[in-house]
C-alpha atoms as a PDB file:
ATOM      1  CA  MET A   1     205.212 152.810 197.914  1.00  0.00           C
ATOM      2  CA  ALA A   2     206.876 149.922 199.701  1.00  0.00           C
ATOM      3  CA  ASN A   3     204.507 147.187 198.548  1.00  0.00           C
ATOM      4  CA  GLU A   4     204.098 147.678 194.805  1.00  0.00           C
ATOM      5  CA  SER A   5     201.706 144.711 194.559  1.00  0.00           C
ATOM      6  CA  GLN A   6     199.093 147.080 195.980  1.00  0.00           C
ATOM      7  CA  LEU A   7     199.142 148.966 192.679  1.00  0.00           C
ATOM      8  CA  ALA A   8     196.776 146.301 191.344  1.00  0.00           C
ATOM      9  CA  HIS A   9     194.137 148.028 193.489  1.00  0.00           C
ATOM     10  CA  ILE A  10     195.357 151.591 193.104  1.00  0.00           C
ATOM     11  CA  GLU A  11     191.802 152.924 193.301  1.00  0.00           C
ATOM     12  CA  ASP A  12     191.776 151.931 196.993  1.00  0.00           C
ATOM     13  CA  LEU A  13     194.970 153.827 197.812  1.00  0.00           C
ATOM     14  CA  ASP A  14     195.292 157.336 199.183  1.00  0.00           C
ATOM     15  CA  PHE A  15     196.905 159.509 196.505  1.00  0.00           C
ATOM     16  CA  GLU A  16     198.897 161.710 198.880  1.00  0.00           C
ATOM     17  CA  ARG A  17     199.769 159.180 201.587  1.00  0.00           C
ATOM     18  CA  ASP A  18     200.370 155.889 199.737  1.00  0.00           C
ATOM     19  CA  LEU A  19     201.984 156.914 196.442  1.00  0.00           C
ATOM     20  CA  ARG A  20     205.582 158.057 195.982  1.00  0.00           C
ATOM     21  CA  PRO A  21     206.216 161.777 195.326  1.00  0.00           C
ATOM     22  CA  GLU A  22     207.992 161.064 192.023  1.00  0.00           C
ATOM     23  CA  PHE A  23     204.977 159.026 190.846  1.00  0.00           C
ATOM     24  CA  ARG A  24     202.578 161.812 191.773  1.00  0.00           C
ATOM     25  CA  GLU A  25     204.760 164.385 190.030  1.00  0.00           C
ATOM     26  CA  THR A  26     204.999 162.323 186.824  1.00  0.00           C
ATOM     27  CA  LEU A  27     201.260 161.684 186.870  1.00  0.00           C
ATOM     28  CA  GLY A  28     200.608 165.410 187.306  1.00  0.00           C
ATOM     29  CA  LYS A  29     202.718 166.197 184.232  1.00  0.00           C
ATOM     30  CA  LEU A  30     200.878 163.545 182.225  1.00  0.00           C
ATOM     31  CA  MET A  31     197.487 164.974 183.211  1.00  0.00           C
ATOM     32  CA  LEU A  32     198.590 168.472 182.192  1.00  0.00           C
ATOM     33  CA  LYS A  33     199.686 167.150 178.819  1.00  0.00           C
ATOM     34  CA  LEU A  34     196.435 165.261 178.284  1.00  0.00           C
ATOM     35  CA  LYS A  35     194.368 168.339 179.158  1.00  0.00           C
ATOM     36  CA  SER A  36     196.343 170.674 176.914  1.00  0.00           C
ATOM     37  CA  PRO A  37     195.225 171.227 173.284  1.00  0.00           C
ATOM     38  CA  GLN A  38     196.650 168.540 171.019  1.00  0.00           C
ATOM     39  CA  ARG A  39     197.003 168.435 167.267  1.00  0.00           C
ATOM     40  CA  LEU A  40     194.512 166.018 165.736  1.00  0.00           C
ATOM     41  CA  LYS A  41     195.915 162.817 164.328  1.00  0.00           C
ATOM     42  CA  GLN A  42     195.343 162.585 160.583  1.00  0.00           C
ATOM     43  CA  VAL A  43     195.264 159.878 157.948  1.00  0.00           C
ATOM     44  CA  GLY A  44     195.439 160.993 154.343  1.00  0.00           C
ATOM     45  CA  GLY A  45     194.830 164.587 155.427  1.00  0.00           C
ATOM     46  CA  ARG A  46     191.637 163.615 157.278  1.00  0.00           C
ATOM     47  CA  ALA A  47     191.295 164.088 161.029  1.00  0.00           C
ATOM     48  CA  LEU A  48     190.736 161.235 163.477  1.00  0.00           C
ATOM     49  CA  SER A  49     188.526 161.452 166.540  1.00  0.00           C
ATOM     50  CA  SER A  50     189.476 159.455 169.634  1.00  0.00           C
ATOM     51  CA  GLY A  51     186.827 156.846 168.823  1.00  0.00           C
ATOM     52  CA  MET A  52     188.087 156.517 165.251  1.00  0.00           C
ATOM     53  CA  LEU A  53     191.690 156.200 166.458  1.00  0.00           C
ATOM     54  CA  LEU A  54     190.622 153.367 168.732  1.00  0.00           C
ATOM     55  CA  GLY A  55     188.718 151.752 165.881  1.00  0.00           C
ATOM     56  CA  LEU A  56     191.787 152.011 163.650  1.00  0.00           C
ATOM     57  CA  ALA A  57     193.923 150.320 166.320  1.00  0.00           C
ATOM     58  CA  MET A  58     191.370 147.506 166.566  1.00  0.00           C
ATOM     59  CA  GLU A  59     191.446 147.090 162.778  1.00  0.00           C
ATOM     60  CA  TYR A  60     195.239 146.692 162.977  1.00  0.00           C
ATOM     61  CA  VAL A  61     194.977 144.145 165.792  1.00  0.00           C
ATOM     62  CA  GLU A  62     192.398 142.115 163.871  1.00  0.00           C
ATOM     63  CA  ALA A  63     194.540 142.113 160.727  1.00  0.00           C
ATOM     64  CA  ILE A  64     197.638 141.028 162.680  1.00  0.00           C
ATOM     65  CA  ASN A  65     195.692 138.295 164.486  1.00  0.00           C
ATOM     66  CA  ASN A  66     194.579 137.027 161.073  1.00  0.00           C
ATOM     67  CA  GLN A  67     198.226 137.030 159.988  1.00  0.00           C
ATOM     68  CA  GLU A  68     197.573 139.818 157.512  1.00  0.00           C
ATOM     69  CA  VAL A  69     199.464 143.032 156.884  1.00  0.00           C
ATOM     70  CA  PRO A  70     197.323 146.031 157.930  1.00  0.00           C
ATOM     71  CA  VAL A  71     196.586 148.388 155.041  1.00  0.00           C
ATOM     72  CA  VAL A  72     196.244 151.856 156.501  1.00  0.00           C
ATOM     73  CA  MET A  73     193.749 153.328 154.043  1.00  0.00           C
ATOM     74  CA  SER A  74     191.548 150.220 153.889  1.00  0.00           C
ATOM     75  CA  CYS A  75     191.391 150.112 157.682  1.00  0.00           C
ATOM     76  CA  PHE A  76     190.734 153.836 157.819  1.00  0.00           C
ATOM     77  CA  GLU A  77     187.847 153.678 155.353  1.00  0.00           C
ATOM     78  CA  ARG A  78     186.176 150.938 157.397  1.00  0.00           C
ATOM     79  CA  VAL A  79     186.589 153.035 160.528  1.00  0.00           C
ATOM     80  CA  VAL A  80     185.037 156.037 158.749  1.00  0.00           C
ATOM     81  CA  GLN A  81     182.075 153.899 157.673  1.00  0.00           C
ATOM     82  CA  VAL A  82     181.495 152.723 161.229  1.00  0.00           C
ATOM     83  CA  GLU A  83     181.789 156.262 162.595  1.00  0.00           C
ATOM     84  CA  SER A  84     179.412 157.570 159.913  1.00  0.00           C
ATOM     85  CA  ARG A  85     176.790 154.919 160.654  1.00  0.00           C
ATOM     86  CA  ARG A  86     177.103 155.510 164.389  1.00  0.00           C
ATOM     87  CA  PHE A  87     176.695 159.266 164.048  1.00  0.00           C
ATOM     88  CA  ALA A  88     173.825 158.974 161.554  1.00  0.00           C
ATOM     89  CA  GLU A  89     171.925 156.555 163.801  1.00  0.00           C
ATOM     90  CA  LYS A  90     172.362 158.771 166.848  1.00  0.00           C
ATOM     91  CA  LEU A  91     171.277 161.854 164.890  1.00  0.00           C
ATOM     92  CA  PHE A  92     168.212 160.084 163.493  1.00  0.00           C
ATOM     93  CA  GLU A  93     167.105 158.955 166.949  1.00  0.00           C
ATOM     94  CA  GLU A  94     167.476 162.517 168.261  1.00  0.00           C
ATOM     95  CA  LEU A  95     165.485 164.082 165.419  1.00  0.00           C
ATOM     96  CA  ALA A  96     162.787 161.392 165.553  1.00  0.00           C
ATOM     97  CA  GLN A  97     162.408 162.009 169.271  1.00  0.00           C
ATOM     98  CA  ARG A  98     162.060 165.733 168.712  1.00  0.00           C
ATOM     99  CA  MET A  99     159.467 165.145 166.007  1.00  0.00           C
ATOM    100  CA  GLY A 100     157.514 162.939 168.382  1.00  0.00           C
ATOM    101  CA  ALA A 101     157.610 165.649 171.026  1.00  0.00           C
ATOM    102  CA  GLU A 102     155.795 168.016 168.648  1.00  0.00           C
ATOM    103  CA  VAL A 103     152.601 165.981 168.948  1.00  0.00           C
ATOM    104  CA  ASN A 104     151.410 168.417 171.610  1.00  0.00           C
ATOM    105  CA  GLU A 105     151.615 171.237 169.061  1.00  0.00           C
ATOM    106  CA  MET A 106     149.737 169.369 166.330  1.00  0.00           C
ATOM    107  CA  PRO A 107     147.833 169.513 164.108  1.00  0.00           C
ATOM    108  CA  TYR A 108     149.801 171.566 161.579  1.00  0.00           C
ATOM    109  CA  GLU A 109     148.555 172.834 158.255  1.00  0.00           C
ATOM    110  CA  ASP A 110     150.038 170.957 155.259  1.00  0.00           C
ATOM    111  CA  GLY A 111     152.280 173.887 154.332  1.00  0.00           C
ATOM    112  CA  GLU A 112     153.524 174.296 157.877  1.00  0.00           C
ATOM    113  CA  LEU A 113     154.173 170.571 158.141  1.00  0.00           C
ATOM    114  CA  ALA A 114     156.282 170.664 154.962  1.00  0.00           C
ATOM    115  CA  GLU A 115     158.266 173.591 156.379  1.00  0.00           C
ATOM    116  CA  ARG A 116     158.958 171.633 159.571  1.00  0.00           C
ATOM    117  CA  LEU A 117     160.270 168.693 157.533  1.00  0.00           C
ATOM    118  CA  ASP A 118     162.510 170.942 155.408  1.00  0.00           C
ATOM    119  CA  ALA A 119     163.921 172.500 158.583  1.00  0.00           C
ATOM    120  CA  TYR A 120     164.757 169.078 160.035  1.00  0.00           C
ATOM    121  CA  CYS A 121     166.416 167.990 156.776  1.00  0.00           C
ATOM    122  CA  ALA A 122     168.479 171.191 156.609  1.00  0.00           C
ATOM    123  CA  GLU A 123     169.615 170.755 160.217  1.00  0.00           C
ATOM    124  CA  ALA A 124     170.567 167.118 159.619  1.00  0.00           C
ATOM    125  CA  ASP A 125     172.528 168.035 156.487  1.00  0.00           C
ATOM    126  CA  GLU A 126     174.441 170.766 158.320  1.00  0.00           C
ATOM    127  CA  ARG A 127     175.315 168.543 161.273  1.00  0.00           C
ATOM    128  CA  ILE A 128     176.444 165.635 159.079  1.00  0.00           C
ATOM    129  CA  CYS A 129     178.754 167.927 157.120  1.00  0.00           C
ATOM    130  CA  LYS A 130     180.131 169.476 160.297  1.00  0.00           C
ATOM    131  CA  GLN A 131     180.772 166.132 161.996  1.00  0.00           C
ATOM    132  CA  LEU A 132     181.998 164.039 159.071  1.00  0.00           C
ATOM    133  CA  GLY A 133     183.085 166.573 156.461  1.00  0.00           C
ATOM    134  CA  GLU A 134     186.751 166.311 157.452  1.00  0.00           C
ATOM    135  CA  VAL A 135     186.937 162.515 157.595  1.00  0.00           C
ATOM    136  CA  ALA A 136     184.537 161.069 155.010  1.00  0.00           C
ATOM    137  CA  SER A 137     185.286 161.217 151.302  1.00  0.00           C
ATOM    138  CA  THR A 138     183.161 163.562 149.183  1.00  0.00           C
ATOM    139  CA  GLU A 139     181.395 160.638 147.515  1.00  0.00           C
ATOM    140  CA  SER A 140     180.645 158.925 150.844  1.00  0.00           C
ATOM    141  CA  LEU A 141     179.416 162.172 152.344  1.00  0.00           C
ATOM    142  CA  ILE A 142     177.024 162.798 149.461  1.00  0.00           C
ATOM    143  CA  ASP A 143     175.653 159.254 149.690  1.00  0.00           C
ATOM    144  CA  LEU A 144     175.242 159.519 153.456  1.00  0.00           C
ATOM    145  CA  ARG A 145     173.395 162.839 153.237  1.00  0.00           C
ATOM    146  CA  GLN A 146     171.064 161.566 150.527  1.00  0.00           C
ATOM    147  CA  ASP A 147     170.315 158.311 152.372  1.00  0.00           C
ATOM    148  CA  PHE A 148     169.731 160.132 155.632  1.00  0.00           C
ATOM    149  CA  GLU A 149     167.321 162.639 154.090  1.00  0.00           C
ATOM    150  CA  LYS A 150     165.441 159.814 152.341  1.00  0.00           C
ATOM    151  CA  ARG A 151     165.117 157.948 155.638  1.00  0.00           C
ATOM    152  CA  LEU A 152     164.049 161.077 157.510  1.00  0.00           C
ATOM    153  CA  ARG A 153     161.402 161.968 154.931  1.00  0.00           C
ATOM    154  CA  GLY A 154     160.139 158.379 154.960  1.00  0.00           C
ATOM    155  CA  TYR A 155     159.756 158.442 158.723  1.00  0.00           C
ATOM    156  CA  PHE A 156     158.063 161.830 158.523  1.00  0.00           C
ATOM    157  CA  LYS A 157     155.615 160.624 155.899  1.00  0.00           C
ATOM    158  CA  GLU A 158     154.742 157.341 157.587  1.00  0.00           C
ATOM    159  CA  ASP A 159     154.675 158.438 161.220  1.00  0.00           C
ATOM    160  CA  VAL A 160     154.506 162.196 161.674  1.00  0.00           C
ATOM    161  CA  ARG A 161     151.990 162.873 158.896  1.00  0.00           C
ATOM    162  CA  LEU A 162     149.832 160.011 160.154  1.00  0.00           C
ATOM    163  CA  VAL A 163     149.782 161.401 163.695  1.00  0.00           C
ATOM    164  CA  ASN A 164     149.130 164.899 162.350  1.00  0.00           C
ATOM    165  CA  ARG A 165     146.157 163.650 160.329  1.00  0.00           C
ATOM    166  CA  GLN A 166     144.765 161.773 163.312  1.00  0.00           C
ATOM    167  CA  MET A 167     145.155 164.861 165.504  1.00  0.00           C
ATOM    168  CA  SER A 168     143.470 167.007 162.831  1.00  0.00           C
ATOM    169  CA  GLU A 169     140.545 164.590 162.551  1.00  0.00           C
ATOM    170  CA  ALA A 170     140.199 164.463 166.332  1.00  0.00           C
ATOM    171  CA  GLN A 171     140.222 168.262 166.502  1.00  0.00           C
ATOM    172  CA  CYS A 172     137.543 168.527 163.798  1.00  0.00           C
ATOM    173  CA  LEU A 173     135.336 165.985 165.540  1.00  0.00           C
ATOM    174  CA  GLN A 174     135.729 167.843 168.823  1.00  0.00           C
ATOM    175  CA  GLU A 175     134.782 171.147 167.202  1.00  0.00           C
ATOM    176  CA  LEU A 176     131.723 169.550 165.582  1.00  0.00           C
ATOM    177  CA  GLU A 177     130.746 168.048 168.902  1.00  0.00           C
ATOM    178  CA  ASP A 178     131.078 171.427 170.623  1.00  0.00           C
ATOM    179  CA  LEU A 179     128.967 173.084 167.934  1.00  0.00           C
ATOM    180  CA  ALA A 180     126.326 170.391 168.303  1.00  0.00           C
ATOM    181  CA  LYS A 181     126.207 170.950 172.062  1.00  0.00           C
ATOM    182  CA  GLN A 182     125.901 174.694 171.581  1.00  0.00           C
ATOM    183  CA  ALA A 183     123.130 174.237 169.007  1.00  0.00           C
ATOM    184  CA  GLY A 184     121.221 172.067 171.457  1.00  0.00           C
ATOM    185  CA  HIS A 185     121.050 174.968 173.919  1.00  0.00           C
ATOM    186  CA  ILE A 186     120.028 177.695 171.455  1.00  0.00           C
ATOM    187  CA  GLU A 187     116.332 178.544 171.414  1.00  0.00           C
ATOM    188  CA  THR A 188     114.948 179.762 168.125  1.00  0.00           C
ATOM    189  CA  SER A 189     112.285 182.514 167.959  1.00  0.00           C
ATOM    190  CA  ALA A 190     109.700 179.844 167.057  1.00  0.00           C
ATOM    191  CA  ASP A 191     110.590 177.904 170.220  1.00  0.00           C
ATOM    192  CA  ILE A 192     110.189 181.024 172.353  1.00  0.00           C
ATOM    193  CA  GLU A 193     106.787 181.898 170.799  1.00  0.00           C
ATOM    194  CA  SER A 194     105.587 178.323 171.276  1.00  0.00           C
ATOM    195  CA  GLN A 195     106.597 178.296 174.948  1.00  0.00           C
ATOM    196  CA  SER A 196     104.882 181.683 175.521  1.00  0.00           C
ATOM    197  CA  PHE A 197     101.648 180.400 173.930  1.00  0.00           C
ATOM    198  CA  VAL A 198     101.664 177.288 176.130  1.00  0.00           C
ATOM    199  CA  ARG A 199     102.148 179.377 179.274  1.00  0.00           C
ATOM    200  CA  SER A 200      99.299 181.736 178.289  1.00  0.00           C
ATOM    201  CA  MET A 201      96.943 178.815 177.732  1.00  0.00           C
ATOM    202  CA  LYS A 202      97.768 177.393 181.146  1.00  0.00           C
ATOM    203  CA  ALA A 203      97.061 180.752 182.724  1.00  0.00           C
END
């Protein structure tokens, strides 16, 4: 384009009309490369996601700004910790939300409730291993899985079991109330005989 100062607002330009053919061609090649499968970057044999790569770059920048020499593995371990916490928090929120959505299906029997909890813990364990198994150390992964299961069981005990008990009590009270209403409309044989005697006397 003739006036390259307009590139500062490239989003307002027409791709075909305003930009040079060589620029469009180079950009097309770049997009093809970005969309093609790429080999994952690795540190110490452990794969980096795009978010972790960005976090690692920020660790380097911070170290340089503090006039320190970046230590690759130290920076990488901090990035892994951040990624692990982020993933664990997101996973916990998802599972807690799904547990809350089961209120409409409550109450559960105690055995069924325990089975539901075990299923959630097994799912969480599988997803943590799948997401972080290639980047977190074995020791960190074990600690994360244990802490997550402890937190999940604590939430289940304090919140889900409480709601389940309340729903069970409400259901029992409702059933008792229904039985009481039904009993109030049932006439015993003694009631029927008494009513027949009263009618005969009036006659």
